[in-house]
C-alpha atoms as a PDB file:
ATOM      1  CA  UNK A   1       0.000   0.000   0.000  1.00  0.00           C
ATOM      2  CA  UNK A   2       2.796   2.424   0.950  1.00  0.00           C
ATOM      3  CA  UNK A   3       4.709   1.496  -2.212  1.00  0.00           C
ATOM      4  CA  UNK A   4       1.608   2.231  -4.333  1.00  0.00           C
ATOM      5  CA  UNK A   5       1.219   5.678  -2.717  1.00  0.00           C
ATOM      6  CA  UNK A   6       4.866   6.534  -3.429  1.00  0.00           C
ATOM      7  CA  UNK A   7       4.500   5.414  -7.052  1.00  0.00           C
ATOM      8  CA  UNK A   8       1.324   7.505  -7.427  1.00  0.00           C
ATOM      9  CA  UNK A   9       3.015  10.607  -6.008  1.00  0.00           C
ATOM     10  CA  UNK A  10       6.070  10.141  -8.271  1.00  0.00           C
ATOM     11  CA  UNK A  11       3.887   9.709 -11.381  1.00  0.00           C
ATOM     12  CA  UNK A  12       1.719  12.708 -10.403  1.00  0.00           C
ATOM     13  CA  UNK A  13       4.802  14.844  -9.784  1.00  0.00           C
ATOM     14  CA  UNK A  14       6.416  13.764 -13.064  1.00  0.00           C
ATOM     15  CA  UNK A  15       3.238  14.441 -15.045  1.00  0.00           C
ATOM     16  CA  UNK A  16       2.815  17.779 -13.274  1.00  0.00           C
ATOM     17  CA  UNK A  17       6.375  18.788 -14.180  1.00  0.00           C
ATOM     18  CA  UNK A  18       5.964  17.689 -17.786  1.00  0.00           C
ATOM     19  CA  UNK A  19       2.428  18.981 -18.436  1.00  0.00           C
ATOM     20  CA  UNK A  20       2.516  22.116 -16.285  1.00  0.00           C
ATOM     21  CA  UNK A  21       6.134  23.118 -16.788  1.00  0.00           C
ATOM     22  CA  UNK A  22       8.105  21.596 -19.632  1.00  0.00           C
ATOM     23  CA  UNK A  23       5.337  21.379 -22.249  1.00  0.00           C
ATOM     24  CA  UNK A  24       4.095  25.005 -21.830  1.00  0.00           C
ATOM     25  CA  UNK A  25       7.716  26.201 -21.818  1.00  0.00           C
ATOM     26  CA  UNK A  26       8.431  24.301 -25.048  1.00  0.00           C
ATOM     27  CA  UNK A  27       5.279  25.598 -26.767  1.00  0.00           C
ATOM     28  CA  UNK A  28       5.898  29.198 -25.646  1.00  0.00           C
ATOM     29  CA  UNK A  29       9.552  29.100 -26.693  1.00  0.00           C
ATOM     30  CA  UNK A  30       8.694  27.579 -30.075  1.00  0.00           C
ATOM     31  CA  UNK A  31       5.955  30.160 -30.678  1.00  0.00           C
ATOM     32  CA  UNK A  32       8.282  33.032 -29.735  1.00  0.00           C
ATOM     33  CA  UNK A  33      10.961  31.734 -32.113  1.00  0.00           C
ATOM     34  CA  UNK A  34       8.774  30.823 -35.100  1.00  0.00           C
ATOM     35  CA  UNK A  35       5.773  33.213 -34.776  1.00  0.00           C
ATOM     36  CA  UNK A  36       6.864  36.086 -32.506  1.00  0.00           C
ATOM     37  CA  UNK A  37       4.284  38.574 -33.831  1.00  0.00           C
ATOM     38  CA  UNK A  38       1.338  36.215 -33.348  1.00  0.00           C
ATOM     39  CA  UNK A  39       2.622  34.907 -30.009  1.00  0.00           C
ATOM     40  CA  UNK A  40       2.651  38.467 -28.664  1.00  0.00           C
ATOM     41  CA  UNK A  41      -0.890  39.368 -29.717  1.00  0.00           C
ATOM     42  CA  UNK A  42      -0.372  40.621 -33.301  1.00  0.00           C
ATOM     43  CA  UNK A  43       0.115  44.148 -31.982  1.00  0.00           C
ATOM     44  CA  UNK A  44      -0.089  47.119 -34.346  1.00  0.00           C
ATOM     45  CA  UNK A  45       2.154  50.099 -33.738  1.00  0.00           C
ATOM     46  CA  UNK A  46       1.920  53.651 -35.044  1.00  0.00           C
ATOM     47  CA  UNK A  47       4.844  55.495 -36.652  1.00  0.00           C
ATOM     48  CA  UNK A  48       6.167  56.461 -33.202  1.00  0.00           C
ATOM     49  CA  UNK A  49       6.315  52.798 -32.201  1.00  0.00           C
ATOM     50  CA  UNK A  50       3.437  53.010 -29.721  1.00  0.00           C
ATOM     51  CA  UNK A  51       1.011  50.101 -29.572  1.00  0.00           C
ATOM     52  CA  UNK A  52      -2.381  51.296 -30.859  1.00  0.00           C
ATOM     53  CA  UNK A  53      -4.206  47.993 -31.027  1.00  0.00           C
ATOM     54  CA  UNK A  54      -4.166  44.428 -32.233  1.00  0.00           C
ATOM     55  CA  UNK A  55      -4.733  43.081 -35.720  1.00  0.00           C
ATOM     56  CA  UNK A  56      -7.081  40.555 -34.089  1.00  0.00           C
ATOM     57  CA  UNK A  57      -9.480  42.816 -32.165  1.00  0.00           C
ATOM     58  CA  UNK A  58     -11.700  45.498 -33.692  1.00  0.00           C
ATOM     59  CA  UNK A  59     -11.955  49.054 -32.413  1.00  0.00           C
ATOM     60  CA  UNK A  60     -14.675  51.636 -32.785  1.00  0.00           C
ATOM     61  CA  UNK A  61     -14.077  54.548 -35.156  1.00  0.00           C
ATOM     62  CA  UNK A  62     -16.898  57.035 -35.619  1.00  0.00           C
ATOM     63  CA  UNK A  63     -15.306  60.202 -37.038  1.00  0.00           C
ATOM     64  CA  UNK A  64     -16.203  60.809 -40.698  1.00  0.00           C
ATOM     65  CA  UNK A  65     -12.529  60.917 -41.764  1.00  0.00           C
ATOM     66  CA  UNK A  66     -11.989  57.265 -40.766  1.00  0.00           C
ATOM     67  CA  UNK A  67     -13.173  53.901 -42.015  1.00  0.00           C
ATOM     68  CA  UNK A  68     -15.926  52.590 -39.790  1.00  0.00           C
ATOM     69  CA  UNK A  69     -15.914  48.949 -38.613  1.00  0.00           C
ATOM     70  CA  UNK A  70     -18.755  46.498 -38.302  1.00  0.00           C
ATOM     71  CA  UNK A  71     -21.255  47.157 -35.517  1.00  0.00           C
ATOM     72  CA  UNK A  72     -20.382  45.486 -32.227  1.00  0.00           C
ATOM     73  CA  UNK A  73     -22.605  44.000 -29.541  1.00  0.00           C
ATOM     74  CA  UNK A  74     -19.669  43.272 -27.219  1.00  0.00           C
ATOM     75  CA  UNK A  75     -20.253  45.185 -23.989  1.00  0.00           C
ATOM     76  CA  UNK A  76     -22.269  48.308 -23.222  1.00  0.00           C
ATOM     77  CA  UNK A  77     -20.622  50.505 -25.870  1.00  0.00           C
ATOM     78  CA  UNK A  78     -19.300  47.733 -28.122  1.00  0.00           C
ATOM     79  CA  UNK A  79     -15.776  46.526 -28.829  1.00  0.00           C
ATOM     80  CA  UNK A  80     -15.213  45.424 -25.221  1.00  0.00           C
ATOM     81  CA  UNK A  81     -12.778  42.482 -25.409  1.00  0.00           C
ATOM     82  CA  UNK A  82     -13.736  41.432 -21.885  1.00  0.00           C
ATOM     83  CA  UNK A  83     -17.356  41.008 -22.983  1.00  0.00           C
ATOM     84  CA  UNK A  84     -16.975  39.419 -26.395  1.00  0.00           C
ATOM     85  CA  UNK A  85     -19.985  37.874 -28.020  1.00  0.00           C
ATOM     86  CA  UNK A  86     -22.976  38.474 -30.196  1.00  0.00           C
ATOM     87  CA  UNK A  87     -26.170  40.111 -29.054  1.00  0.00           C
ATOM     88  CA  UNK A  88     -28.196  36.879 -29.304  1.00  0.00           C
ATOM     89  CA  UNK A  89     -30.970  38.922 -30.921  1.00  0.00           C
ATOM     90  CA  UNK A  90     -32.888  36.839 -33.449  1.00  0.00           C
ATOM     91  CA  UNK A  91     -34.304  37.848 -36.822  1.00  0.00           C
ATOM     92  CA  UNK A  92     -37.696  38.641 -35.281  1.00  0.00           C
ATOM     93  CA  UNK A  93     -36.216  40.925 -32.604  1.00  0.00           C
ATOM     94  CA  UNK A  94     -37.562  44.476 -32.809  1.00  0.00           C
ATOM     95  CA  UNK A  95     -34.444  45.764 -31.027  1.00  0.00           C
ATOM     96  CA  UNK A  96     -32.227  44.257 -33.756  1.00  0.00           C
ATOM     97  CA  UNK A  97     -34.469  45.635 -36.525  1.00  0.00           C
ATOM     98  CA  UNK A  98     -34.387  49.112 -34.965  1.00  0.00           C
ATOM     99  CA  UNK A  99     -30.582  49.053 -34.658  1.00  0.00           C
ATOM    100  CA  UNK A 100     -30.133  47.929 -38.262  1.00  0.00           C
ATOM    101  CA  UNK A 101     -32.611  50.535 -39.549  1.00  0.00           C
ATOM    102  CA  UNK A 102     -30.737  53.224 -37.581  1.00  0.00           C
ATOM    103  CA  UNK A 103     -27.426  52.093 -39.089  1.00  0.00           C
ATOM    104  CA  UNK A 104     -28.929  52.132 -42.589  1.00  0.00           C
ATOM    105  CA  UNK A 105     -30.236  55.686 -42.113  1.00  0.00           C
ATOM    106  CA  UNK A 106     -26.824  56.799 -40.814  1.00  0.00           C
ATOM    107  CA  UNK A 107     -24.959  55.210 -43.734  1.00  0.00           C
ATOM    108  CA  UNK A 108     -27.329  55.789 -46.654  1.00  0.00           C
ATOM    109  CA  UNK A 109     -26.198  58.704 -48.786  1.00  0.00           C
ATOM    110  CA  UNK A 110     -27.546  57.735 -52.201  1.00  0.00           C
ATOM    111  CA  UNK A 111     -28.998  54.777 -54.009  1.00  0.00           C
ATOM    112  CA  UNK A 112     -26.026  52.418 -53.631  1.00  0.00           C
ATOM    113  CA  UNK A 113     -26.790  49.319 -51.562  1.00  0.00           C
ATOM    114  CA  UNK A 114     -25.076  49.197 -48.177  1.00  0.00           C
ATOM    115  CA  UNK A 115     -22.798  46.154 -47.706  1.00  0.00           C
ATOM    116  CA  UNK A 116     -24.233  43.798 -45.100  1.00  0.00           C
ATOM    117  CA  UNK A 117     -21.156  43.840 -42.879  1.00  0.00           C
ATOM    118  CA  UNK A 118     -21.642  47.564 -42.182  1.00  0.00           C
ATOM    119  CA  UNK A 119     -25.004  46.881 -40.529  1.00  0.00           C
ATOM    120  CA  UNK A 120     -24.591  43.324 -39.199  1.00  0.00           C
ATOM    121  CA  UNK A 121     -22.347  42.561 -36.217  1.00  0.00           C
ATOM    122  CA  UNK A 122     -19.979  39.619 -36.268  1.00  0.00           C
ATOM    123  CA  UNK A 123     -20.431  36.660 -33.938  1.00  0.00           C
ATOM    124  CA  UNK A 124     -17.702  37.858 -31.569  1.00  0.00           C
ATOM    125  CA  UNK A 125     -18.505  41.560 -31.824  1.00  0.00           C
ATOM    126  CA  UNK A 126     -14.764  42.187 -32.180  1.00  0.00           C
ATOM    127  CA  UNK A 127     -14.100  41.486 -35.863  1.00  0.00           C
ATOM    128  CA  UNK A 128     -11.278  43.829 -36.960  1.00  0.00           C
ATOM    129  CA  UNK A 129     -12.016  43.409 -40.674  1.00  0.00           C
ATOM    130  CA  UNK A 130     -14.549  44.672 -43.176  1.00  0.00           C
ATOM    131  CA  UNK A 131     -15.135  43.460 -46.698  1.00  0.00           C
ATOM    132  CA  UNK A 132     -13.633  45.253 -49.696  1.00  0.00           C
ATOM    133  CA  UNK A 133     -17.130  46.462 -50.771  1.00  0.00           C
ATOM    134  CA  UNK A 134     -17.691  47.845 -47.243  1.00  0.00           C
ATOM    135  CA  UNK A 135     -14.412  49.779 -47.447  1.00  0.00           C
ATOM    136  CA  UNK A 136     -15.172  51.036 -50.958  1.00  0.00           C
ATOM    137  CA  UNK A 137     -18.641  52.150 -49.811  1.00  0.00           C
ATOM    138  CA  UNK A 138     -17.000  54.567 -47.352  1.00  0.00           C
ATOM    139  CA  UNK A 139     -14.466  56.137 -49.745  1.00  0.00           C
ATOM    140  CA  UNK A 140     -16.540  59.178 -50.756  1.00  0.00           C
ATOM    141  CA  UNK A 141     -17.300  60.158 -47.152  1.00  0.00           C
ATOM    142  CA  UNK A 142     -13.648  59.857 -46.127  1.00  0.00           C
ATOM    143  CA  UNK A 143     -12.390  61.733 -49.206  1.00  0.00           C
ATOM    144  CA  UNK A 144     -14.805  64.602 -48.500  1.00  0.00           C
ATOM    145  CA  UNK A 145     -13.923  64.721 -44.788  1.00  0.00           C
ATOM    146  CA  UNK A 146     -10.159  64.676 -45.450  1.00  0.00           C
ATOM    147  CA  UNK A 147     -10.317  66.768 -48.627  1.00  0.00           C
ATOM    148  CA  UNK A 148      -8.198  64.309 -50.591  1.00  0.00           C
ATOM    149  CA  UNK A 149      -8.796  62.553 -53.929  1.00  0.00           C
ATOM    150  CA  UNK A 150     -10.848  59.369 -53.902  1.00  0.00           C
ATOM    151  CA  UNK A 151      -8.066  57.611 -55.831  1.00  0.00           C
ATOM    152  CA  UNK A 152      -5.639  57.974 -52.902  1.00  0.00           C
ATOM    153  CA  UNK A 153      -8.049  56.216 -50.562  1.00  0.00           C
ATOM    154  CA  UNK A 154      -8.729  53.477 -53.126  1.00  0.00           C
ATOM    155  CA  UNK A 155      -4.961  52.879 -53.393  1.00  0.00           C
ATOM    156  CA  UNK A 156      -4.774  52.452 -49.614  1.00  0.00           C
ATOM    157  CA  UNK A 157      -7.593  49.891 -49.696  1.00  0.00           C
ATOM    158  CA  UNK A 158      -5.781  47.901 -52.385  1.00  0.00           C
ATOM    159  CA  UNK A 159      -2.449  48.104 -50.531  1.00  0.00           C
ATOM    160  CA  UNK A 160      -4.021  46.805 -47.284  1.00  0.00           C
ATOM    161  CA  UNK A 161      -6.176  44.122 -48.902  1.00  0.00           C
ATOM    162  CA  UNK A 162      -5.861  40.694 -47.266  1.00  0.00           C
ATOM    163  CA  UNK A 163      -6.676  37.748 -49.531  1.00  0.00           C
ATOM    164  CA  UNK A 164      -8.522  34.555 -48.658  1.00  0.00           C
ATOM    165  CA  UNK A 165      -6.811  32.326 -46.105  1.00  0.00           C
ATOM    166  CA  UNK A 166      -5.054  29.428 -47.836  1.00  0.00           C
ATOM    167  CA  UNK A 167      -6.478  30.769 -51.116  1.00  0.00           C
ATOM    168  CA  UNK A 168     -10.039  29.547 -50.513  1.00  0.00           C
ATOM    169  CA  UNK A 169     -11.199  30.325 -46.949  1.00  0.00           C
ATOM    170  CA  UNK A 170     -13.218  33.464 -46.304  1.00  0.00           C
ATOM    171  CA  UNK A 171     -13.421  36.566 -48.452  1.00  0.00           C
ATOM    172  CA  UNK A 172     -10.893  39.269 -49.321  1.00  0.00           C
ATOM    173  CA  UNK A 173     -10.957  41.896 -46.563  1.00  0.00           C
ATOM    174  CA  UNK A 174      -9.174  44.822 -44.962  1.00  0.00           C
ATOM    175  CA  UNK A 175      -8.228  45.506 -41.360  1.00  0.00           C
ATOM    176  CA  UNK A 176      -9.942  48.737 -40.270  1.00  0.00           C
ATOM    177  CA  UNK A 177      -7.187  49.825 -37.856  1.00  0.00           C
ATOM    178  CA  UNK A 178      -4.480  49.322 -40.503  1.00  0.00           C
ATOM    179  CA  UNK A 179      -6.538  51.311 -43.025  1.00  0.00           C
ATOM    180  CA  UNK A 180      -7.014  54.178 -40.597  1.00  0.00           C
ATOM    181  CA  UNK A 181      -3.330  54.268 -39.689  1.00  0.00           C
ATOM    182  CA  UNK A 182      -2.504  54.423 -43.393  1.00  0.00           C
ATOM    183  CA  UNK A 183      -4.971  57.318 -43.762  1.00  0.00           C
ATOM    184  CA  UNK A 184      -3.269  59.153 -40.902  1.00  0.00           C
ATOM    185  CA  UNK A 185       0.074  58.600 -42.640  1.00  0.00           C
ATOM    186  CA  UNK A 186      -0.996  60.433 -45.798  1.00  0.00           C
ATOM    187  CA  UNK A 187       0.755  63.738 -46.483  1.00  0.00           C
ATOM    188  CA  UNK A 188      -1.725  66.614 -46.715  1.00  0.00           C
END
């Protein structure tokens, strides 16, 4: 009986050392060596080197001179990474219909259809990307607010375009924070 207890404690200690110490250390070290950017949160820095966000988590932009992200239901004011998640409002929800109608009224400036991702939140509420049509939809507003040619903004969209993952997963998209940093980097 005593021998069995000793064996159990040795095995538990060995497994604890391996699974709680050596394995996490090996994975962390490997990630830092092979994928340092991703292992550290895919942080985005401005021209001064200050961290302004992550390429993985959306932020709210509401000024007319910036690209606007998808709506967010994460937290009271949206884009709260501690409260990630959808609103759980279904297609028959009056609250959801009212929010979408309000977004459509805010965005509609002519007869062009509004891309769905500008009025529909993502499942996490923190999606940092918008579709290429959603970015192109906003070009005129941004050009007018910044008093710059539309072509300059279109060039930025093309330069920041991210293609499908592995060539077939998802849709081409742009990261809103990266677009807005590129806008701020334009010479006026």
